[in-house]
Amino acid sequence: MQQDDHARAASQTAFGAALLDSDLPVPDGVIGPRGKGANRRFAVYRNNVTMSLINALADIFPAVQRLVGEGFFRDMARVYLAQEPPRSALIFEYGSGFAAFLERFEPVAKLPYLPDVARLERAWLDAFHAADAEPLSPASLGAIAPERLGDISFTAHPATRVVSSPFAAVSIFSANREKRPLDGIRPLVPEDGLITRPHYDVQIRTLPPGAAGFFTHLIGGATLGTAAAQTVEQHPEFDLPSAISAMLDAGVFTACSTDATSTE
C-alpha cells in the first residue's frame, strides 16, 4: 500500500512538472482515445494551465503589469512560472514570491521600486482574504487605568500589514491602481504603507516617519511603552498621539490588554 502511495505521488509530481515545462515529454500513462498518443491534447491542456496562472498573476499584480506593459508582464510571468510553480490548490495564493523574483530579475532593474509595489499588491490581496474581526474600539482604552497605559499590548487584526520601502512605492501603487499618471511622484522618496481592512474594503495609507516601526513593534507583541520608547529613539519627531489615533481609525488592532485587564 505504501509503495502504491509513493508511485502515485511520483506520478502526480511528474504530471505537474510536465504541465509547467514544455521541454518535458508527455507523462507516462497519458493517452488519447483508443490508446493513441496524446501529445496534441496535452499541449492544449498545458497551454490552458499556463494561461490561467499568468492571468492570475495579472489579476493579483495589476499595478506591476501597468508599469511594465501587458506584453512584457506576460513574458515575465512565464519566467516566474518556470522558476516557482504553484504550491497550493488555491490560485489566489500563487505569487507569494513574485516580489522577491522581481528583485533578481535583471530586465526590470531600472525600476527598483517594482518589487515593493508588488509587495503592496500582495499585501492588499492577503488583507482582502484575511479573517473577519471587529476592530478595537477607541473607548476600549478608557477601560485601562492611565498608570497602566505603558503596559498595554495589542492583538493585531488578521488583515493588518505594514510594508516599508526606500522608494515611493505607496504613491506609485495607488496611482497605477487608479490608472493615474505618475507625474509629480518622486520615486526615490521613501514611503511606508499600512494595509488594513477594518470592515469590508481594504485600505492602504502612507505612514508618517516612525509610524511603521511603531506599529511593527506593537504587532510583534511589544507593549505600548516599549514601542513608543524605541520609536522615539529612532525618530525624535514621532507623534505618538497621532499614531494612536490613526491606528484606531484604520482598525490595526482588535483588542488590547495588560496583565490585569483585557478589552476589545
Protein backbone atom coordinates (compact mmCIF):
# COMPACT_ATOMS: atom_id res chain seq x y z
CA MET A 1 0.00 0.00 0.00
CA GLN A 2 2.79 2.38 0.93
CA GLN A 3 4.58 1.56 -2.32
CA ASP A 4 1.41 2.41 -4.25
CA ASP A 5 1.22 5.75 -2.47
CA HIS A 6 4.81 6.57 -3.39
CA ALA A 7 4.19 5.60 -7.00
CA ARG A 8 1.02 7.72 -7.12
CA ALA A 9 2.85 10.72 -5.60
CA ALA A 10 5.72 10.35 -8.09
CA SER A 11 3.26 10.15 -10.97
CA GLN A 12 1.44 13.29 -9.80
CA THR A 13 4.75 15.14 -9.41
CA ALA A 14 5.82 14.17 -12.92
CA PHE A 15 2.44 15.19 -14.32
CA GLY A 16 2.58 18.59 -12.63
CA ALA A 17 6.15 19.22 -13.77
CA ALA A 18 5.27 18.34 -17.37
CA LEU A 19 2.32 20.73 -17.28
CA LEU A 20 4.60 23.66 -16.50
CA ASP A 21 7.60 22.75 -18.65
CA SER A 22 7.08 22.35 -22.38
CA ASP A 23 10.52 20.73 -22.72
CA LEU A 24 9.38 17.70 -20.72
CA PRO A 25 7.68 14.80 -22.51
CA VAL A 26 4.06 13.81 -22.03
CA PRO A 27 3.92 11.82 -18.75
CA ASP A 28 3.60 8.05 -18.87
CA GLY A 29 0.02 6.88 -18.78
CA VAL A 30 -1.42 9.92 -20.55
CA ILE A 31 -3.03 8.59 -23.72
CA GLY A 32 -5.71 9.69 -26.15
CA PRO A 33 -8.87 7.91 -27.33
CA ARG A 34 -8.40 4.26 -28.31
CA GLY A 35 -4.89 4.28 -26.91
CA LYS A 36 -3.50 6.81 -29.33
CA GLY A 37 -0.87 9.40 -28.46
CA ALA A 38 -1.97 12.47 -26.54
CA ASN A 39 0.76 14.95 -27.40
CA ARG A 40 -1.55 17.50 -29.02
CA ARG A 41 -4.26 17.20 -26.37
CA PHE A 42 -1.70 17.51 -23.56
CA ALA A 43 -0.15 20.56 -25.24
CA VAL A 44 -3.55 22.27 -25.29
CA TYR A 45 -4.12 21.42 -21.63
CA ARG A 46 -0.61 22.60 -20.74
CA ASN A 47 -1.22 25.91 -22.52
CA ASN A 48 -4.55 26.40 -20.72
CA VAL A 49 -2.92 25.85 -17.33
CA THR A 50 -0.10 28.26 -18.16
CA MET A 51 -2.52 30.94 -19.36
CA SER A 52 -4.64 30.54 -16.22
CA LEU A 53 -1.64 31.09 -13.95
CA ILE A 54 -0.40 34.06 -15.98
CA ASN A 55 -3.89 35.59 -15.84
CA ALA A 56 -3.95 35.01 -12.09
CA LEU A 57 -0.68 36.89 -11.67
CA ALA A 58 -2.02 39.74 -13.81
CA ASP A 59 -5.11 39.93 -11.59
CA ILE A 60 -3.01 39.93 -8.41
CA PHE A 61 -0.43 42.46 -9.66
CA PRO A 62 -2.31 44.91 -11.93
CA ALA A 63 -0.10 47.86 -10.95
CA VAL A 64 3.07 45.94 -11.81
CA GLN A 65 1.54 44.97 -15.15
CA ARG A 66 0.62 48.56 -15.92
CA LEU A 67 4.14 49.73 -15.05
CA VAL A 68 5.91 47.28 -17.36
CA GLY A 69 3.24 46.79 -20.02
CA GLU A 70 0.98 43.81 -20.63
CA GLY A 71 3.16 42.02 -23.17
CA PHE A 72 6.32 42.30 -21.07
CA PHE A 73 4.42 41.26 -17.95
CA ARG A 74 3.11 38.09 -19.55
CA ASP A 75 6.57 37.13 -20.80
CA MET A 76 7.99 37.84 -17.35
CA ALA A 77 5.22 35.78 -15.74
CA ARG A 78 6.23 32.79 -17.87
CA VAL A 79 9.76 33.03 -16.50
CA TYR A 80 8.43 33.26 -12.94
CA LEU A 81 6.12 30.30 -13.51
CA ALA A 82 9.04 28.17 -14.67
CA GLN A 83 11.05 29.09 -11.57
CA GLU A 84 8.25 28.98 -8.98
CA PRO A 85 5.35 26.66 -9.83
CA PRO A 86 2.22 26.75 -7.65
CA ARG A 87 2.42 25.07 -4.26
CA SER A 88 -1.26 25.42 -3.36
CA ALA A 89 -4.52 24.43 -4.97
CA LEU A 90 -5.84 27.93 -4.15
CA ILE A 91 -4.96 30.09 -7.11
CA PHE A 92 -5.15 33.37 -5.15
CA GLU A 93 -2.21 32.14 -3.06
CA TYR A 94 0.00 31.97 -6.15
CA GLY A 95 2.62 34.68 -6.48
CA SER A 96 3.74 34.96 -2.87
CA GLY A 97 7.36 35.00 -4.08
CA PHE A 98 6.80 37.36 -7.01
CA ALA A 99 8.29 40.44 -5.30
CA ALA A 100 11.49 38.54 -4.46
CA PHE A 101 11.60 37.29 -8.05
CA LEU A 102 11.41 40.89 -9.33
CA GLU A 103 14.40 41.83 -7.17
CA ARG A 104 16.62 39.38 -9.05
CA PHE A 105 15.01 39.74 -12.50
CA GLU A 106 17.58 41.79 -14.39
CA PRO A 107 15.27 43.20 -17.12
CA VAL A 108 13.37 45.29 -14.51
CA ALA A 109 16.45 46.52 -12.64
CA LYS A 110 15.79 50.05 -13.92
CA LEU A 111 12.53 50.05 -11.95
CA PRO A 112 13.94 49.49 -8.44
CA TYR A 113 10.62 50.30 -6.78
CA LEU A 114 8.81 47.49 -8.65
CA PRO A 115 9.36 44.75 -6.00
CA ASP A 116 7.87 46.92 -3.26
CA VAL A 117 4.88 47.79 -5.45
CA ALA A 118 4.41 44.03 -5.83
CA ARG A 119 4.66 43.61 -2.04
CA LEU A 120 1.88 46.15 -1.58
CA GLU A 121 -0.29 44.35 -4.14
CA ARG A 122 0.33 41.01 -2.44
CA ALA A 123 -0.43 42.56 0.96
CA TRP A 124 -3.64 44.05 -0.45
CA LEU A 125 -4.81 40.62 -1.61
CA ASP A 126 -3.81 38.90 1.64
CA ALA A 127 -5.69 41.56 3.61
CA PHE A 128 -8.73 41.08 1.37
CA HIS A 129 -8.79 37.35 2.12
CA ALA A 130 -7.92 37.66 5.82
CA ALA A 131 -10.38 36.55 8.50
CA ASP A 132 -13.05 38.98 9.64
CA ALA A 133 -12.62 40.64 13.03
CA GLU A 134 -14.12 43.61 14.81
CA PRO A 135 -11.60 46.48 15.10
CA LEU A 136 -10.58 47.75 18.51
CA SER A 137 -12.98 50.41 19.77
CA PRO A 138 -11.43 53.75 20.82
CA ALA A 139 -13.46 53.54 24.01
CA SER A 140 -11.64 50.35 24.95
CA LEU A 141 -8.52 52.21 26.00
CA GLY A 142 -10.61 54.06 28.57
CA ALA A 143 -11.13 50.81 30.45
CA ILE A 144 -7.42 50.73 31.34
CA ALA A 145 -6.09 52.89 34.17
CA PRO A 146 -3.83 55.76 32.99
CA GLU A 147 -0.88 54.47 35.00
CA ARG A 148 -1.08 51.15 33.13
CA LEU A 149 -1.16 52.60 29.60
CA GLY A 150 2.52 51.87 29.04
CA ASP A 151 1.89 48.20 29.81
CA ILE A 152 -0.77 47.73 27.13
CA SER A 153 -0.18 45.12 24.44
CA PHE A 154 -2.35 44.70 21.36
CA THR A 155 -3.79 41.95 19.19
CA ALA A 156 -3.36 42.70 15.50
CA HIS A 157 -6.27 42.49 13.11
CA PRO A 158 -5.77 39.50 10.75
CA ALA A 159 -5.75 41.87 7.77
CA THR A 160 -3.09 44.25 9.09
CA ARG A 161 0.12 44.51 7.07
CA VAL A 162 3.00 47.02 7.08
CA VAL A 163 5.21 47.47 4.01
CA SER A 164 8.25 49.75 4.27
CA SER A 165 10.07 50.90 1.15
CA PRO A 166 13.07 53.09 0.32
CA PHE A 167 11.01 54.23 -2.68
CA ALA A 168 7.68 56.00 -3.19
CA ALA A 169 6.03 52.59 -3.57
CA VAL A 170 2.72 53.58 -1.97
CA SER A 171 2.22 56.58 -4.27
CA ILE A 172 3.25 54.56 -7.33
CA PHE A 173 0.97 51.68 -6.31
CA SER A 174 -2.01 53.98 -5.74
CA ALA A 175 -1.52 55.91 -8.98
CA ASN A 176 -1.36 52.71 -11.02
CA ARG A 177 -4.30 51.06 -9.29
CA GLU A 178 -6.35 54.18 -10.01
CA LYS A 179 -4.88 54.50 -13.52
CA ARG A 180 -3.48 57.95 -12.82
CA PRO A 181 -0.24 59.31 -14.32
CA LEU A 182 2.92 59.20 -12.23
CA ASP A 183 3.54 62.92 -12.77
CA GLY A 184 4.69 64.62 -9.59
CA ILE A 185 5.74 61.42 -7.81
CA ARG A 186 9.38 61.39 -6.73
CA PRO A 187 10.22 57.67 -6.88
CA LEU A 188 13.31 57.91 -4.64
CA VAL A 189 11.41 59.33 -1.66
CA PRO A 190 10.94 56.55 0.95
CA GLU A 191 7.38 55.63 1.90
CA ASP A 192 5.83 53.23 4.38
CA GLY A 193 2.40 51.72 3.79
CA LEU A 194 -0.21 50.47 6.23
CA ILE A 195 -2.68 47.93 4.84
CA THR A 196 -5.85 47.26 6.83
CA ARG A 197 -9.41 46.10 6.33
CA PRO A 198 -11.40 47.45 9.25
CA HIS A 199 -14.71 46.49 7.65
CA TYR A 200 -15.23 45.32 4.06
CA ASP A 201 -12.82 47.42 1.99
CA VAL A 202 -9.04 47.13 2.03
CA GLN A 203 -7.34 50.44 2.82
CA ILE A 204 -3.74 51.48 2.16
CA ARG A 205 -2.34 54.54 3.91
CA THR A 206 1.00 56.29 3.68
CA LEU A 207 2.52 56.44 7.16
CA PRO A 208 4.45 59.37 8.65
CA PRO A 209 8.06 58.84 9.79
CA GLY A 210 8.34 56.35 12.63
CA ALA A 211 4.80 55.00 12.45
CA ALA A 212 5.74 51.86 10.50
CA GLY A 213 8.30 50.86 13.11
CA PHE A 214 5.88 51.72 15.94
CA PHE A 215 3.12 49.53 14.50
CA THR A 216 5.58 46.75 13.71
CA HIS A 217 6.76 46.72 17.34
CA LEU A 218 3.17 46.54 18.58
CA ILE A 219 2.22 43.82 16.09
CA GLY A 220 5.25 41.87 17.30
CA GLY A 221 3.98 41.95 20.88
CA ALA A 222 5.81 44.94 22.37
CA THR A 223 3.96 46.98 24.96
CA LEU A 224 2.84 50.50 24.14
CA GLY A 225 5.54 51.98 26.38
CA THR A 226 8.34 49.90 24.86
CA ALA A 227 7.20 50.50 21.28
CA ALA A 228 6.92 54.25 21.87
CA ALA A 229 10.34 54.48 23.52
CA GLN A 230 12.06 52.52 20.74
CA THR A 231 10.34 54.59 18.05
CA VAL A 232 11.14 57.97 19.62
CA GLU A 233 14.77 56.93 19.99
CA GLN A 234 14.99 56.43 16.23
CA HIS A 235 12.54 59.19 15.25
CA PRO A 236 12.60 62.05 17.83
CA GLU A 237 9.85 63.86 15.88
CA PHE A 238 7.47 60.89 16.17
CA ASP A 239 3.92 61.98 17.04
CA LEU A 240 2.60 59.29 19.40
CA PRO A 241 -0.95 60.67 19.91
CA SER A 242 -1.47 60.96 16.15
CA ALA A 243 -0.19 57.42 15.62
CA ILE A 244 -2.59 56.02 18.23
CA SER A 245 -5.47 57.93 16.65
CA ALA A 246 -4.51 56.63 13.20
CA MET A 247 -4.25 53.02 14.35
CA LEU A 248 -7.72 53.17 15.90
CA ASP A 249 -9.19 54.81 12.82
CA ALA A 250 -7.56 52.26 10.50
CA GLY A 251 -8.54 49.23 12.56
CA VAL A 252 -4.97 47.98 13.02
CA PHE A 253 -5.83 46.03 16.18
CA THR A 254 -8.77 44.06 17.54
CA ALA A 255 -8.03 44.01 21.28
CA CYS A 256 -5.73 45.44 23.93
CA SER A 257 -4.72 44.15 27.33
CA THR A 258 -2.39 44.44 30.30
CA ASP A 259 -1.54 41.66 32.73
CA ALA A 260 -4.64 42.58 34.67
CA THR A 261 -7.15 43.63 32.05
CA SER A 262 -8.28 42.70 28.59
CA THR A 263 -10.71 44.62 26.39
CA GLU A 264 -11.89 44.77 22.79
